[in-house]
Amino acid sequence: MKHLTTPLTKDKLKGLKAGETVLLSGTIYTARDRAHQRLADLIQKQKKLPLDIKDITIYYCGPNIKKGKLGSCGPTTASRMDPFTEIMFQHGVTAVIGKGNRSPELTKVFKDQGTVFFVTHAGCAAYLRDKVKSFKVIAFPELGTEAIHAFEVRDFPLVVGIDTQGNDIYQRIYG
């Protein structure tokens, strides 16, 4: 098992292998479909983004927050973000976290961009919540649970789903 700390630069990601387990600490940012669409629109219009996305890790998650307390924060199906992934990588994102497989075309994008897809445990939202030490809204608060949040995590459990060489654990299983 490897221990990594954000920011995850491409140099830090090079040695990871598909199937390897990782404990991640540092800052990760939640974003789902609507936040991705907003970021992509801003990029396409060449407008300033509400956060610097260079070397960040995006967690595909819409956390449940009630009365200022973090509830469940499990992963969202990653393929829902497939239309936005390449543009995010082209503008600095280096790693993403979700559940489920990615399209074969997108696996090539991970290799070409030198980026990584991490998988985390679905159905373990309470366990994952305990790995989040603090959180705050960073952008698009009007989106509610789909706003972008900064999570400070410690030992957040991950599996390398697609590595920088384009090796994909789902291809090994189903391919």
N, C-alpha and C. Protein backbone atom coordinates (compact mmCIF):
# COMPACT_ATOMS: atom_id res chain seq x y z
N MET A 1 0.84 -1.18 0.00
CA MET A 1 0.00 0.00 0.00
C MET A 1 0.88 1.24 0.00
N LYS A 2 0.50 2.20 -0.85
CA LYS A 2 1.26 3.44 -0.93
C LYS A 2 0.51 4.55 -0.20
N HIS A 3 1.28 5.47 0.37
CA HIS A 3 0.72 6.67 0.99
C HIS A 3 1.09 7.84 0.10
N LEU A 4 0.10 8.61 -0.31
CA LEU A 4 0.32 9.79 -1.14
C LEU A 4 -0.31 11.01 -0.48
N THR A 5 0.28 12.17 -0.77
CA THR A 5 -0.23 13.44 -0.27
C THR A 5 -0.44 14.38 -1.45
N THR A 6 -1.57 15.08 -1.44
CA THR A 6 -1.83 16.06 -2.48
C THR A 6 -0.95 17.28 -2.26
N PRO A 7 -0.66 18.02 -3.32
CA PRO A 7 -1.14 17.86 -4.68
C PRO A 7 -0.47 16.67 -5.38
N LEU A 8 -1.22 16.01 -6.24
CA LEU A 8 -0.71 14.87 -6.99
C LEU A 8 -0.19 15.36 -8.34
N THR A 9 1.10 15.61 -8.39
CA THR A 9 1.72 16.01 -9.65
C THR A 9 1.86 14.78 -10.54
N LYS A 10 2.08 15.01 -11.81
CA LYS A 10 2.25 13.88 -12.74
C LYS A 10 3.46 13.05 -12.36
N ASP A 11 4.49 13.66 -11.81
CA ASP A 11 5.66 12.89 -11.36
C ASP A 11 5.29 11.92 -10.25
N LYS A 12 4.44 12.34 -9.32
CA LYS A 12 4.01 11.46 -8.23
C LYS A 12 3.18 10.29 -8.74
N LEU A 13 2.49 10.50 -9.85
CA LEU A 13 1.57 9.49 -10.37
C LEU A 13 2.25 8.44 -11.24
N LYS A 14 3.42 8.77 -11.79
CA LYS A 14 4.09 7.89 -12.76
C LYS A 14 4.31 6.47 -12.27
N GLY A 15 4.66 6.28 -11.02
CA GLY A 15 4.99 4.95 -10.53
C GLY A 15 3.81 4.10 -10.12
N LEU A 16 2.62 4.66 -10.14
CA LEU A 16 1.45 3.89 -9.72
C LEU A 16 1.06 2.86 -10.78
N LYS A 17 0.57 1.74 -10.32
CA LYS A 17 0.15 0.65 -11.20
C LYS A 17 -1.32 0.32 -10.96
N ALA A 18 -2.04 0.04 -12.03
CA ALA A 18 -3.45 -0.35 -11.92
C ALA A 18 -3.58 -1.52 -10.95
N GLY A 19 -4.54 -1.40 -10.03
CA GLY A 19 -4.78 -2.43 -9.03
C GLY A 19 -4.11 -2.16 -7.70
N GLU A 20 -3.16 -1.23 -7.68
CA GLU A 20 -2.44 -0.89 -6.46
C GLU A 20 -3.35 -0.12 -5.50
N THR A 21 -3.17 -0.35 -4.19
CA THR A 21 -3.95 0.38 -3.20
C THR A 21 -3.16 1.58 -2.69
N VAL A 22 -3.91 2.63 -2.40
CA VAL A 22 -3.32 3.91 -2.00
C VAL A 22 -4.12 4.48 -0.84
N LEU A 23 -3.43 5.11 0.09
CA LEU A 23 -4.08 5.93 1.11
C LEU A 23 -3.69 7.37 0.80
N LEU A 24 -4.69 8.21 0.54
CA LEU A 24 -4.45 9.59 0.13
C LEU A 24 -4.76 10.55 1.26
N SER A 25 -3.86 11.50 1.47
CA SER A 25 -4.07 12.56 2.45
C SER A 25 -3.87 13.91 1.78
N GLY A 26 -4.54 14.93 2.30
CA GLY A 26 -4.43 16.28 1.75
C GLY A 26 -5.79 16.79 1.30
N THR A 27 -5.78 17.70 0.33
CA THR A 27 -7.01 18.32 -0.16
C THR A 27 -7.47 17.67 -1.46
N ILE A 28 -8.74 17.27 -1.49
CA ILE A 28 -9.39 16.82 -2.71
C ILE A 28 -10.64 17.68 -2.89
N TYR A 29 -11.13 17.77 -4.12
CA TYR A 29 -12.28 18.62 -4.42
C TYR A 29 -13.42 17.80 -4.98
N THR A 30 -14.61 17.97 -4.42
CA THR A 30 -15.78 17.25 -4.93
C THR A 30 -16.34 17.99 -6.13
N ALA A 31 -16.78 17.25 -7.11
CA ALA A 31 -17.48 17.83 -8.26
C ALA A 31 -18.21 16.71 -8.98
N ARG A 32 -19.46 16.99 -9.30
CA ARG A 32 -20.27 16.06 -10.07
C ARG A 32 -20.64 16.70 -11.40
N ASP A 33 -21.65 16.16 -12.04
CA ASP A 33 -22.04 16.56 -13.39
C ASP A 33 -22.21 18.07 -13.58
N ARG A 34 -23.03 18.68 -12.73
CA ARG A 34 -23.35 20.09 -12.93
C ARG A 34 -22.13 20.98 -12.72
N ALA A 35 -21.32 20.68 -11.72
CA ALA A 35 -20.10 21.47 -11.50
C ALA A 35 -19.12 21.28 -12.66
N HIS A 36 -19.01 20.05 -13.16
CA HIS A 36 -18.14 19.81 -14.32
C HIS A 36 -18.62 20.60 -15.53
N GLN A 37 -19.92 20.62 -15.74
CA GLN A 37 -20.47 21.37 -16.88
C GLN A 37 -20.15 22.86 -16.74
N ARG A 38 -20.29 23.38 -15.54
CA ARG A 38 -19.98 24.81 -15.31
C ARG A 38 -18.50 25.08 -15.55
N LEU A 39 -17.63 24.23 -15.03
CA LEU A 39 -16.19 24.43 -15.25
C LEU A 39 -15.85 24.36 -16.74
N ALA A 40 -16.40 23.36 -17.42
CA ALA A 40 -16.13 23.21 -18.85
C ALA A 40 -16.62 24.43 -19.63
N ASP A 41 -17.78 24.95 -19.28
CA ASP A 41 -18.32 26.14 -19.95
C ASP A 41 -17.38 27.34 -19.74
N LEU A 42 -16.90 27.53 -18.52
CA LEU A 42 -15.98 28.64 -18.24
C LEU A 42 -14.69 28.49 -19.03
N ILE A 43 -14.17 27.26 -19.10
CA ILE A 43 -12.94 27.02 -19.85
C ILE A 43 -13.16 27.34 -21.33
N GLN A 44 -14.26 26.86 -21.89
CA GLN A 44 -14.54 27.08 -23.31
C GLN A 44 -14.75 28.56 -23.63
N LYS A 45 -15.27 29.31 -22.67
CA LYS A 45 -15.48 30.75 -22.86
C LYS A 45 -14.24 31.56 -22.46
N GLN A 46 -13.17 30.83 -22.06
CA GLN A 46 -11.91 31.45 -21.63
C GLN A 46 -12.12 32.43 -20.48
N LYS A 47 -12.96 32.03 -19.54
CA LYS A 47 -13.23 32.84 -18.35
C LYS A 47 -12.48 32.26 -17.16
N LYS A 48 -12.29 33.08 -16.16
CA LYS A 48 -11.57 32.66 -14.95
C LYS A 48 -12.36 31.59 -14.19
N LEU A 49 -11.66 30.56 -13.76
CA LEU A 49 -12.28 29.50 -12.98
C LEU A 49 -12.35 29.93 -11.51
N PRO A 50 -13.30 29.40 -10.75
CA PRO A 50 -13.42 29.77 -9.34
C PRO A 50 -12.36 29.13 -8.43
N LEU A 51 -11.52 28.26 -9.00
CA LEU A 51 -10.42 27.65 -8.27
C LEU A 51 -9.34 27.27 -9.26
N ASP A 52 -8.12 27.19 -8.76
CA ASP A 52 -6.99 26.76 -9.59
C ASP A 52 -7.04 25.24 -9.68
N ILE A 53 -7.16 24.69 -10.89
CA ILE A 53 -7.30 23.24 -11.03
C ILE A 53 -5.98 22.53 -11.36
N LYS A 54 -4.88 23.24 -11.32
CA LYS A 54 -3.58 22.61 -11.61
C LYS A 54 -3.22 21.61 -10.50
N ASP A 55 -2.96 20.40 -10.92
CA ASP A 55 -2.53 19.31 -10.03
C ASP A 55 -3.55 18.94 -8.95
N ILE A 56 -4.82 19.23 -9.19
CA ILE A 56 -5.81 18.86 -8.18
C ILE A 56 -6.36 17.47 -8.45
N THR A 57 -6.96 16.93 -7.42
CA THR A 57 -7.67 15.65 -7.48
C THR A 57 -9.14 15.95 -7.28
N ILE A 58 -9.95 15.50 -8.23
CA ILE A 58 -11.40 15.69 -8.14
C ILE A 58 -12.05 14.38 -7.72
N TYR A 59 -12.87 14.47 -6.68
CA TYR A 59 -13.64 13.34 -6.18
C TYR A 59 -15.07 13.49 -6.70
N TYR A 60 -15.51 12.53 -7.51
CA TYR A 60 -16.85 12.54 -8.04
C TYR A 60 -17.82 12.19 -6.91
N CYS A 61 -18.31 13.22 -6.25
CA CYS A 61 -19.11 13.04 -5.04
C CYS A 61 -20.02 14.24 -4.86
N GLY A 62 -21.23 13.98 -4.42
CA GLY A 62 -22.16 15.03 -4.01
C GLY A 62 -22.44 14.81 -2.53
N PRO A 63 -21.63 15.39 -1.67
CA PRO A 63 -21.76 15.09 -0.23
C PRO A 63 -23.09 15.55 0.35
N ASN A 64 -23.56 14.79 1.30
CA ASN A 64 -24.77 15.12 2.03
C ASN A 64 -24.36 15.94 3.24
N ILE A 65 -24.75 17.22 3.25
CA ILE A 65 -24.39 18.11 4.36
C ILE A 65 -25.68 18.67 4.94
N LYS A 66 -25.88 18.45 6.24
CA LYS A 66 -27.06 18.97 6.92
C LYS A 66 -26.63 19.64 8.22
N LYS A 67 -27.11 20.87 8.38
CA LYS A 67 -26.82 21.66 9.58
C LYS A 67 -25.32 21.75 9.84
N GLY A 68 -24.55 21.92 8.74
CA GLY A 68 -23.11 22.09 8.87
C GLY A 68 -22.32 20.84 9.15
N LYS A 69 -22.99 19.69 9.15
CA LYS A 69 -22.31 18.42 9.42
C LYS A 69 -22.28 17.58 8.16
N LEU A 70 -21.15 16.94 7.95
CA LEU A 70 -20.98 16.07 6.79
C LEU A 70 -21.64 14.72 7.04
N GLY A 71 -22.53 14.36 6.13
CA GLY A 71 -23.15 13.05 6.19
C GLY A 71 -22.46 12.12 5.21
N SER A 72 -23.24 11.34 4.50
CA SER A 72 -22.64 10.39 3.56
C SER A 72 -21.91 11.14 2.45
N CYS A 73 -20.82 10.55 2.01
CA CYS A 73 -20.02 11.16 0.93
C CYS A 73 -19.36 10.07 0.11
N GLY A 74 -20.20 9.20 -0.42
CA GLY A 74 -19.71 8.11 -1.26
C GLY A 74 -19.49 8.57 -2.69
N PRO A 75 -18.81 7.75 -3.47
CA PRO A 75 -18.48 8.11 -4.86
C PRO A 75 -19.67 8.02 -5.80
N THR A 76 -19.63 8.87 -6.82
CA THR A 76 -20.60 8.86 -7.91
C THR A 76 -20.03 8.02 -9.06
N THR A 77 -20.90 7.47 -9.87
CA THR A 77 -20.47 6.70 -11.04
C THR A 77 -19.63 7.59 -11.95
N ALA A 78 -18.40 7.19 -12.15
CA ALA A 78 -17.41 8.00 -12.86
C ALA A 78 -17.76 8.25 -14.32
N SER A 79 -18.38 7.28 -14.97
CA SER A 79 -18.66 7.44 -16.41
C SER A 79 -19.55 8.64 -16.69
N ARG A 80 -20.28 9.12 -15.70
CA ARG A 80 -21.11 10.31 -15.89
C ARG A 80 -20.26 11.55 -16.18
N MET A 81 -19.00 11.52 -15.78
CA MET A 81 -18.10 12.65 -16.01
C MET A 81 -17.23 12.46 -17.25
N ASP A 82 -17.41 11.36 -17.98
CA ASP A 82 -16.60 11.10 -19.17
C ASP A 82 -16.58 12.27 -20.16
N PRO A 83 -17.71 12.94 -20.43
CA PRO A 83 -17.67 14.03 -21.41
C PRO A 83 -16.78 15.22 -21.00
N PHE A 84 -16.47 15.33 -19.71
CA PHE A 84 -15.71 16.48 -19.20
C PHE A 84 -14.27 16.15 -18.80
N THR A 85 -13.93 14.88 -18.77
CA THR A 85 -12.65 14.48 -18.20
C THR A 85 -11.46 15.01 -18.99
N GLU A 86 -11.49 14.88 -20.29
CA GLU A 86 -10.33 15.31 -21.08
C GLU A 86 -10.07 16.81 -20.93
N ILE A 87 -11.10 17.63 -20.97
CA ILE A 87 -10.90 19.08 -20.86
C ILE A 87 -10.36 19.43 -19.47
N MET A 88 -10.79 18.71 -18.45
CA MET A 88 -10.26 18.95 -17.10
C MET A 88 -8.77 18.63 -17.05
N PHE A 89 -8.38 17.51 -17.65
CA PHE A 89 -6.97 17.13 -17.68
C PHE A 89 -6.15 18.14 -18.48
N GLN A 90 -6.68 18.59 -19.59
CA GLN A 90 -5.95 19.55 -20.43
C GLN A 90 -5.70 20.86 -19.70
N HIS A 91 -6.49 21.14 -18.67
CA HIS A 91 -6.33 22.39 -17.93
C HIS A 91 -5.78 22.19 -16.52
N GLY A 92 -5.21 21.02 -16.24
CA GLY A 92 -4.45 20.87 -15.01
C GLY A 92 -4.81 19.77 -14.06
N VAL A 93 -6.05 19.28 -14.08
CA VAL A 93 -6.43 18.20 -13.17
C VAL A 93 -5.54 16.99 -13.46
N THR A 94 -5.06 16.32 -12.42
CA THR A 94 -4.16 15.19 -12.62
C THR A 94 -4.75 13.85 -12.17
N ALA A 95 -5.77 13.89 -11.30
CA ALA A 95 -6.34 12.64 -10.81
C ALA A 95 -7.81 12.84 -10.50
N VAL A 96 -8.58 11.77 -10.69
CA VAL A 96 -10.00 11.78 -10.38
C VAL A 96 -10.34 10.52 -9.61
N ILE A 97 -11.39 10.61 -8.80
CA ILE A 97 -11.82 9.51 -7.95
C ILE A 97 -13.31 9.27 -8.19
N GLY A 98 -13.70 8.01 -8.36
CA GLY A 98 -15.11 7.68 -8.52
C GLY A 98 -15.33 6.20 -8.33
N LYS A 99 -16.41 5.72 -8.92
CA LYS A 99 -16.67 4.28 -8.90
C LYS A 99 -17.04 3.84 -10.31
N GLY A 100 -16.77 2.60 -10.61
CA GLY A 100 -17.14 2.03 -11.90
C GLY A 100 -16.11 2.28 -12.98
N ASN A 101 -16.35 1.65 -14.12
CA ASN A 101 -15.37 1.72 -15.22
C ASN A 101 -15.54 2.98 -16.05
N ARG A 102 -14.52 3.23 -16.90
CA ARG A 102 -14.51 4.36 -17.83
C ARG A 102 -14.53 3.80 -19.24
N SER A 103 -14.89 4.63 -20.20
CA SER A 103 -14.96 4.17 -21.59
C SER A 103 -13.56 3.84 -22.10
N PRO A 104 -13.45 2.90 -23.05
CA PRO A 104 -12.14 2.57 -23.62
C PRO A 104 -11.45 3.79 -24.25
N GLU A 105 -12.22 4.68 -24.84
CA GLU A 105 -11.65 5.89 -25.44
C GLU A 105 -11.02 6.77 -24.37
N LEU A 106 -11.65 6.82 -23.22
CA LEU A 106 -11.13 7.65 -22.13
C LEU A 106 -9.88 7.04 -21.51
N THR A 107 -9.77 5.72 -21.51
CA THR A 107 -8.56 5.08 -21.00
C THR A 107 -7.33 5.60 -21.74
N LYS A 108 -7.46 5.81 -23.04
CA LYS A 108 -6.36 6.37 -23.84
C LYS A 108 -6.03 7.79 -23.40
N VAL A 109 -7.04 8.56 -23.03
CA VAL A 109 -6.84 9.93 -22.57
C VAL A 109 -6.00 9.93 -21.29
N PHE A 110 -6.28 9.01 -20.37
CA PHE A 110 -5.48 8.92 -19.15
C PHE A 110 -4.01 8.69 -19.50
N LYS A 111 -3.77 7.78 -20.43
CA LYS A 111 -2.39 7.50 -20.84
C LYS A 111 -1.76 8.72 -21.51
N ASP A 112 -2.46 9.33 -22.46
CA ASP A 112 -1.92 10.48 -23.19
C ASP A 112 -1.64 11.67 -22.27
N GLN A 113 -2.47 11.85 -21.25
CA GLN A 113 -2.33 12.99 -20.34
C GLN A 113 -1.45 12.68 -19.13
N GLY A 114 -1.11 11.40 -18.91
CA GLY A 114 -0.29 11.03 -17.74
C GLY A 114 -1.03 11.22 -16.44
N THR A 115 -2.33 10.92 -16.46
CA THR A 115 -3.20 11.12 -15.31
C THR A 115 -3.72 9.77 -14.79
N VAL A 116 -4.42 9.82 -13.65
CA VAL A 116 -4.85 8.59 -12.99
C VAL A 116 -6.32 8.67 -12.60
N PHE A 117 -6.98 7.52 -12.73
CA PHE A 117 -8.33 7.34 -12.21
C PHE A 117 -8.24 6.43 -11.01
N PHE A 118 -8.68 6.93 -9.87
CA PHE A 118 -8.75 6.13 -8.65
C PHE A 118 -10.19 5.69 -8.44
N VAL A 119 -10.35 4.50 -7.92
CA VAL A 119 -11.64 3.96 -7.54
C VAL A 119 -11.68 3.94 -6.02
N THR A 120 -12.81 4.33 -5.46
CA THR A 120 -12.98 4.15 -4.02
C THR A 120 -14.21 3.31 -3.77
N HIS A 121 -14.40 2.97 -2.54
CA HIS A 121 -15.37 1.96 -2.15
C HIS A 121 -16.80 2.48 -2.15
N ALA A 122 -17.61 1.94 -3.04
CA ALA A 122 -19.03 2.27 -3.06
C ALA A 122 -19.71 1.54 -1.90
N GLY A 123 -20.76 2.14 -1.36
CA GLY A 123 -21.49 1.50 -0.27
C GLY A 123 -20.85 1.69 1.10
N CYS A 124 -19.81 2.49 1.17
CA CYS A 124 -19.09 2.72 2.43
C CYS A 124 -19.05 4.20 2.77
N ALA A 125 -20.13 4.91 2.50
CA ALA A 125 -20.15 6.37 2.65
C ALA A 125 -19.83 6.83 4.07
N ALA A 126 -20.29 6.10 5.07
CA ALA A 126 -20.00 6.49 6.46
C ALA A 126 -18.52 6.29 6.77
N TYR A 127 -17.95 5.21 6.28
CA TYR A 127 -16.51 4.98 6.47
C TYR A 127 -15.70 6.07 5.78
N LEU A 128 -16.06 6.40 4.55
CA LEU A 128 -15.34 7.44 3.82
C LEU A 128 -15.50 8.79 4.52
N ARG A 129 -16.68 9.08 5.06
CA ARG A 129 -16.91 10.33 5.79
C ARG A 129 -15.92 10.48 6.94
N ASP A 130 -15.61 9.39 7.59
CA ASP A 130 -14.68 9.45 8.72
C ASP A 130 -13.25 9.78 8.28
N LYS A 131 -12.96 9.65 7.00
CA LYS A 131 -11.64 10.00 6.48
C LYS A 131 -11.54 11.49 6.12
N VAL A 132 -12.69 12.18 6.13
CA VAL A 132 -12.74 13.62 5.83
C VAL A 132 -12.60 14.37 7.15
N LYS A 133 -11.53 15.11 7.30
CA LYS A 133 -11.24 15.81 8.56
C LYS A 133 -11.87 17.20 8.61
N SER A 134 -12.06 17.83 7.44
CA SER A 134 -12.76 19.11 7.37
C SER A 134 -13.24 19.31 5.94
N PHE A 135 -14.18 20.24 5.77
CA PHE A 135 -14.72 20.50 4.44
C PHE A 135 -15.25 21.93 4.38
N LYS A 136 -15.28 22.48 3.16
CA LYS A 136 -15.90 23.78 2.95
C LYS A 136 -16.29 23.93 1.49
N VAL A 137 -17.30 24.75 1.24
CA VAL A 137 -17.73 25.03 -0.13
C VAL A 137 -16.71 25.96 -0.76
N ILE A 138 -16.29 25.62 -1.99
CA ILE A 138 -15.30 26.41 -2.73
C ILE A 138 -15.95 27.17 -3.88
N ALA A 139 -16.92 26.56 -4.55
CA ALA A 139 -17.52 27.19 -5.73
C ALA A 139 -18.93 26.67 -5.98
N PHE A 140 -19.73 27.48 -6.61
CA PHE A 140 -21.09 27.14 -7.04
C PHE A 140 -22.00 26.70 -5.88
N PRO A 141 -22.06 27.47 -4.79
CA PRO A 141 -22.87 27.05 -3.64
C PRO A 141 -24.35 26.86 -3.99
N GLU A 142 -24.82 27.55 -5.03
CA GLU A 142 -26.22 27.43 -5.45
C GLU A 142 -26.56 26.03 -5.96
N LEU A 143 -25.54 25.22 -6.22
CA LEU A 143 -25.78 23.85 -6.69
C LEU A 143 -26.05 22.87 -5.55
N GLY A 144 -26.00 23.35 -4.31
CA GLY A 144 -26.28 22.47 -3.17
C GLY A 144 -25.24 21.36 -3.05
N THR A 145 -25.72 20.11 -3.04
CA THR A 145 -24.78 18.99 -2.90
C THR A 145 -23.82 18.89 -4.07
N GLU A 146 -24.18 19.49 -5.20
CA GLU A 146 -23.30 19.43 -6.37
C GLU A 146 -22.33 20.61 -6.44
N ALA A 147 -22.30 21.44 -5.40
CA ALA A 147 -21.29 22.50 -5.32
C ALA A 147 -19.91 21.85 -5.24
N ILE A 148 -18.89 22.62 -5.52
CA ILE A 148 -17.52 22.13 -5.35
C ILE A 148 -17.12 22.37 -3.90
N HIS A 149 -16.71 21.30 -3.24
CA HIS A 149 -16.25 21.37 -1.85
C HIS A 149 -14.78 20.99 -1.79
N ALA A 150 -14.06 21.58 -0.88
CA ALA A 150 -12.70 21.14 -0.56
C ALA A 150 -12.81 20.21 0.64
N PHE A 151 -12.31 19.01 0.49
CA PHE A 151 -12.24 18.04 1.58
C PHE A 151 -10.78 17.91 2.00
N GLU A 152 -10.52 18.04 3.29
CA GLU A 152 -9.21 17.68 3.83
C GLU A 152 -9.35 16.24 4.30
N VAL A 153 -8.60 15.35 3.67
CA VAL A 153 -8.73 13.92 3.98
C VAL A 153 -7.43 13.37 4.57
N ARG A 154 -7.59 12.31 5.34
CA ARG A 154 -6.43 11.60 5.87
C ARG A 154 -6.66 10.11 5.64
N ASP A 155 -5.71 9.50 4.93
CA ASP A 155 -5.75 8.06 4.64
C ASP A 155 -7.05 7.65 3.94
N PHE A 156 -7.43 8.43 2.93
CA PHE A 156 -8.61 8.14 2.13
C PHE A 156 -8.28 6.93 1.25
N PRO A 157 -9.05 5.82 1.37
CA PRO A 157 -8.69 4.56 0.69
C PRO A 157 -9.06 4.54 -0.79
N LEU A 158 -8.07 4.22 -1.62
CA LEU A 158 -8.25 4.21 -3.06
C LEU A 158 -7.60 2.98 -3.69
N VAL A 159 -8.05 2.65 -4.88
CA VAL A 159 -7.41 1.65 -5.74
C VAL A 159 -7.14 2.34 -7.06
N VAL A 160 -5.97 2.14 -7.63
CA VAL A 160 -5.66 2.72 -8.93
C VAL A 160 -6.48 1.95 -9.97
N GLY A 161 -7.44 2.64 -10.57
CA GLY A 161 -8.30 2.03 -11.58
C GLY A 161 -7.69 2.08 -12.97
N ILE A 162 -7.13 3.24 -13.31
CA ILE A 162 -6.40 3.41 -14.58
C ILE A 162 -5.12 4.15 -14.25
N ASP A 163 -3.99 3.58 -14.65
CA ASP A 163 -2.72 4.23 -14.35
C ASP A 163 -2.26 5.09 -15.53
N THR A 164 -1.11 5.72 -15.37
CA THR A 164 -0.60 6.66 -16.38
C THR A 164 -0.18 5.96 -17.67
N GLN A 165 -0.11 4.64 -17.65
CA GLN A 165 0.23 3.87 -18.85
C GLN A 165 -1.02 3.36 -19.57
N GLY A 166 -2.19 3.71 -19.02
CA GLY A 166 -3.44 3.28 -19.65
C GLY A 166 -3.88 1.89 -19.24
N ASN A 167 -3.22 1.30 -18.25
CA ASN A 167 -3.65 0.00 -17.74
C ASN A 167 -4.92 0.20 -16.92
N ASP A 168 -5.93 -0.62 -17.19
CA ASP A 168 -7.26 -0.43 -16.63
C ASP A 168 -7.68 -1.71 -15.93
N ILE A 169 -7.97 -1.62 -14.62
CA ILE A 169 -8.36 -2.84 -13.89
C ILE A 169 -9.63 -3.44 -14.43
N TYR A 170 -10.53 -2.63 -14.97
CA TYR A 170 -11.77 -3.17 -15.51
C TYR A 170 -11.53 -3.94 -16.80
N GLN A 171 -10.55 -3.55 -17.59
CA GLN A 171 -10.20 -4.30 -18.79
C GLN A 171 -9.63 -5.66 -18.41
N ARG A 172 -8.87 -5.71 -17.32
CA ARG A 172 -8.31 -6.99 -16.86
C ARG A 172 -9.42 -7.92 -16.40
N ILE A 173 -10.45 -7.33 -15.78
CA ILE A 173 -11.54 -8.14 -15.25
C ILE A 173 -12.51 -8.55 -16.35
N TYR A 174 -12.92 -7.57 -17.17
CA TYR A 174 -13.98 -7.80 -18.15
C TYR A 174 -13.48 -7.87 -19.60
N GLY A 175 -12.25 -7.39 -19.83
CA GLY A 175 -11.74 -7.23 -21.19
C GLY A 175 -11.46 -8.48 -21.91
